[in-house]
Amino acid sequence: MSADAVLPRAGLYERWAQERQGSIEPRAEGVLILGAWAPTEGPLSVIEGNVAVLGGDNRLRGVKVTGRLTSSANKFSSAFSDIASATIRGNGVTLLRSRLTAGQATVPSSSAVLVDDTGIP
């Protein structure tokens, strides 16, 4: 098992996604993307583009994703994040206080835990 942390500071990360053909893809197991977050402003670290979570047990915290978040991995979790739209298919998924800003989300897993999220149709 690997466990890595990515700690983007407050700011816009558009080149980061562009250099990866418009999508960031955490592939390892146990990756944590921990962005800058403020109680009154929400996420301060902005990923301009898509995020495709490919590794299991990955976590997204305090990040704004302007594109689509996709994950088929098991045990994915997102907390205190703003996400334009999402398709999440893995088992054991947890979304805690995340905002789906475009109001488009698919979370078909019967074992998903959704707590205090907004914008999920």
Protein backbone atom coordinates (compact mmCIF):
# COMPACT_ATOMS: atom_id res chain seq x y z
CA MET A 1 0.00 0.00 0.00
CA SER A 2 1.28 3.45 -0.81
CA ALA A 3 0.17 6.66 0.83
CA ASP A 4 1.00 10.01 -0.68
CA ALA A 5 -0.14 13.53 0.09
CA VAL A 6 -0.54 16.40 -2.35
CA LEU A 7 -0.83 19.76 -0.61
CA PRO A 8 -1.78 22.51 -3.08
CA ARG A 9 -1.58 25.98 -1.58
CA ALA A 10 -4.31 28.54 -2.09
CA GLY A 11 -4.47 29.50 -5.75
CA LEU A 12 -5.48 28.38 -9.24
CA TYR A 13 -3.90 25.23 -10.66
CA GLU A 14 -4.82 25.49 -14.35
CA ARG A 15 -1.41 24.57 -15.79
CA TRP A 16 -1.27 21.54 -13.52
CA ALA A 17 -4.29 20.02 -15.25
CA GLN A 18 -3.36 21.27 -18.74
CA GLU A 19 0.03 19.56 -18.55
CA ARG A 20 -1.85 16.33 -17.90
CA GLN A 21 -4.23 16.69 -20.88
CA GLY A 22 -6.89 18.43 -18.80
CA SER A 23 -7.19 15.78 -16.11
CA ILE A 24 -5.39 14.99 -12.89
CA GLU A 25 -5.35 11.25 -12.18
CA PRO A 26 -4.36 10.02 -8.71
CA ARG A 27 -3.50 6.37 -9.48
CA ALA A 28 -1.83 5.17 -6.29
CA GLU A 29 -3.73 3.80 -3.33
CA GLY A 30 -4.23 6.05 -0.31
CA VAL A 31 -3.58 9.46 -1.94
CA LEU A 32 -4.68 12.55 -0.02
CA ILE A 33 -5.20 15.84 -1.88
CA LEU A 34 -5.45 18.38 0.93
CA GLY A 35 -6.15 21.89 -0.30
CA ALA A 36 -6.24 25.21 1.52
CA TRP A 37 -9.67 25.82 3.05
CA ALA A 38 -11.28 28.65 5.02
CA PRO A 39 -14.47 28.40 7.11
CA THR A 40 -16.01 31.51 5.52
CA GLU A 41 -14.73 31.14 1.94
CA GLY A 42 -14.55 27.39 1.50
CA PRO A 43 -11.90 25.85 -0.78
CA LEU A 44 -9.03 28.17 -1.71
CA SER A 45 -7.10 25.65 -3.84
CA VAL A 46 -8.70 25.48 -7.30
CA ILE A 47 -7.98 22.72 -9.83
CA GLU A 48 -9.01 24.05 -13.23
CA GLY A 49 -10.08 20.94 -15.12
CA ASN A 50 -11.06 17.36 -14.35
CA VAL A 51 -9.97 14.96 -11.64
CA ALA A 52 -10.14 11.20 -12.34
CA VAL A 53 -9.52 9.16 -9.19
CA LEU A 54 -8.14 5.77 -10.22
CA GLY A 55 -6.58 4.45 -7.00
CA GLY A 56 -8.55 3.10 -4.06
CA ASP A 57 -8.89 4.73 -0.65
CA ASN A 58 -8.14 8.23 -2.01
CA ARG A 59 -9.29 11.40 -0.26
CA LEU A 60 -10.05 14.89 -1.54
CA ARG A 61 -10.23 17.65 1.08
CA GLY A 62 -10.77 21.40 0.75
CA VAL A 63 -10.35 21.60 -3.04
CA LYS A 64 -12.45 23.22 -5.75
CA VAL A 65 -12.64 21.21 -9.00
CA THR A 66 -13.99 23.26 -11.90
CA GLY A 67 -14.42 20.25 -14.18
CA ARG A 68 -15.75 16.75 -13.66
CA LEU A 69 -14.72 14.48 -10.79
CA THR A 70 -14.87 10.79 -11.71
CA SER A 71 -14.06 7.76 -9.62
CA SER A 72 -14.69 4.04 -9.96
CA ALA A 73 -12.33 3.31 -7.08
CA ASN A 74 -13.49 1.86 -3.78
CA LYS A 75 -13.39 3.88 -0.54
CA PHE A 76 -13.10 7.29 -2.20
CA SER A 77 -14.03 10.24 0.00
CA SER A 78 -14.47 13.95 -0.50
CA ALA A 79 -14.97 16.54 2.22
CA PHE A 80 -15.28 20.33 2.28
CA SER A 81 -14.81 20.51 -1.50
CA ASP A 82 -16.60 22.31 -4.34
CA ILE A 83 -17.04 20.10 -7.39
CA ALA A 84 -18.68 21.20 -10.63
CA SER A 85 -20.03 17.73 -11.46
CA ALA A 86 -19.29 14.17 -10.44
CA THR A 87 -19.68 10.55 -11.42
CA ILE A 88 -18.68 8.29 -8.55
CA ARG A 89 -19.16 4.55 -8.91
CA GLY A 90 -16.99 2.79 -6.30
CA ASN A 91 -18.14 1.09 -3.13
CA GLY A 92 -17.63 2.57 0.32
CA VAL A 93 -17.81 6.17 -0.97
CA THR A 94 -18.17 9.06 1.48
CA LEU A 95 -19.10 12.64 0.57
CA LEU A 96 -19.02 14.98 3.55
CA ARG A 97 -20.12 18.59 3.23
CA SER A 98 -19.18 18.80 -0.45
CA ARG A 99 -20.94 21.19 -2.83
CA LEU A 100 -21.81 20.10 -6.35
CA THR A 101 -21.82 23.51 -7.99
CA ALA A 102 -23.30 22.52 -11.37
CA GLY A 103 -25.93 20.33 -9.70
CA GLN A 104 -24.85 17.23 -11.60
CA ALA A 105 -23.82 14.13 -9.69
CA THR A 106 -24.16 10.40 -10.06
CA VAL A 107 -23.45 8.32 -6.97
CA PRO A 108 -25.16 4.97 -7.64
CA SER A 109 -23.37 2.97 -4.93
CA SER A 110 -25.74 1.52 -2.35
CA SER A 111 -22.98 1.76 0.25
CA ALA A 112 -22.36 5.50 -0.24
CA VAL A 113 -22.47 7.80 2.77
CA LEU A 114 -23.65 11.33 1.91
CA VAL A 115 -23.61 13.84 4.78
CA ASP A 116 -24.59 17.52 4.52
CA ASP A 117 -23.80 17.79 0.79
CA THR A 118 -25.49 20.32 -1.50
CA GLY A 119 -26.30 20.27 -5.19
CA ILE A 120 -26.85 16.52 -5.54
CA PRO A 121 -30.03 16.08 -7.58
